[in-house]
Amino acid sequence: EDLIEEIEDMPSQANLLEADLSDRSKSNHEMLLKDLTDSSDLKTNKQVSDMTEMTTQMSNIPQTASLPS
């Protein structure tokens, strides 16, 4: 009697597991995407600041170089 009920419950438990798994993989996927966008933002910001620094250095060259008299 109990065994029959357990077997009848199995499909719903399988559905619950499946839902749980899909939820988990979805949230993992979202976290991965967030990580990726965060790190790419950081990289871009670093590149921008590096370029800004280089530009600043290049514009400073004429002022620091001694002009031939």
Protein backbone atom coordinates (compact mmCIF):
# COMPACT_ATOMS: atom_id res chain seq x y z
CA GLU A 1 0.00 0.00 0.00
CA ASP A 2 2.71 2.51 0.99
CA LEU A 3 4.91 1.39 -1.88
CA ILE A 4 2.21 2.17 -4.43
CA GLU A 5 1.82 5.68 -3.03
CA GLU A 6 5.57 6.21 -3.14
CA ILE A 7 5.72 5.10 -6.77
CA GLU A 8 2.83 7.44 -7.60
CA ASP A 9 4.69 10.30 -5.90
CA MET A 10 7.85 9.71 -7.91
CA PRO A 11 6.85 11.74 -10.99
CA SER A 12 6.04 14.80 -8.89
CA GLN A 13 9.36 14.47 -7.04
CA ALA A 14 11.13 14.19 -10.37
CA ASN A 15 9.35 17.35 -11.50
CA LEU A 16 10.41 19.15 -8.33
CA LEU A 17 14.01 18.07 -8.85
CA GLU A 18 13.90 19.19 -12.45
CA ALA A 19 12.48 22.58 -11.49
CA ASP A 20 15.13 22.94 -8.80
CA LEU A 21 17.88 22.07 -11.25
CA SER A 22 16.63 24.46 -13.91
CA ASP A 23 16.32 27.23 -11.32
CA ARG A 24 19.84 26.57 -10.16
CA SER A 25 21.35 26.46 -13.61
CA LYS A 26 19.48 29.65 -14.48
CA SER A 27 20.81 31.50 -11.45
CA ASN A 28 24.31 30.12 -12.06
CA HIS A 29 24.09 31.33 -15.63
CA GLU A 30 22.98 34.78 -14.49
CA MET A 31 25.82 34.93 -11.97
CA LEU A 32 28.32 33.91 -14.63
CA LEU A 33 27.00 36.58 -16.96
CA LYS A 34 27.24 39.15 -14.18
CA ASP A 35 30.82 38.09 -13.43
CA LEU A 36 31.69 38.37 -17.10
CA THR A 37 30.18 41.82 -17.49
CA ASP A 38 31.81 43.00 -14.26
CA SER A 39 35.26 41.84 -15.29
CA SER A 40 34.89 43.22 -18.82
CA ASP A 41 33.83 46.57 -17.35
CA LEU A 42 36.91 46.55 -15.16
CA LYS A 43 39.15 45.71 -18.10
CA THR A 44 37.59 48.45 -20.21
CA ASN A 45 37.97 50.97 -17.41
CA LYS A 46 41.61 50.01 -16.97
CA GLN A 47 42.26 50.33 -20.70
CA VAL A 48 40.60 53.73 -20.74
CA SER A 49 42.62 54.94 -17.78
CA ASP A 50 45.82 53.54 -19.33
CA MET A 51 45.08 55.36 -22.56
CA THR A 52 44.30 58.56 -20.68
CA GLU A 53 47.58 58.27 -18.83
CA MET A 54 49.50 57.68 -22.06
CA THR A 55 47.84 60.68 -23.66
CA THR A 56 48.72 62.79 -20.65
CA GLN A 57 52.33 61.64 -20.79
CA MET A 58 52.52 62.36 -24.52
CA SER A 59 51.11 65.85 -24.08
CA ASN A 60 53.62 66.46 -21.28
CA ILE A 61 56.61 65.57 -23.45
CA PRO A 62 56.96 68.95 -25.20
CA GLN A 63 56.84 70.78 -21.87
CA THR A 64 59.47 68.60 -20.21
CA ALA A 65 61.80 68.32 -23.21
CA SER A 66 64.34 71.11 -23.30
CA LEU A 67 64.04 73.09 -26.47
CA PRO A 68 67.22 73.50 -28.49
CA SER A 69 68.49 77.05 -28.00
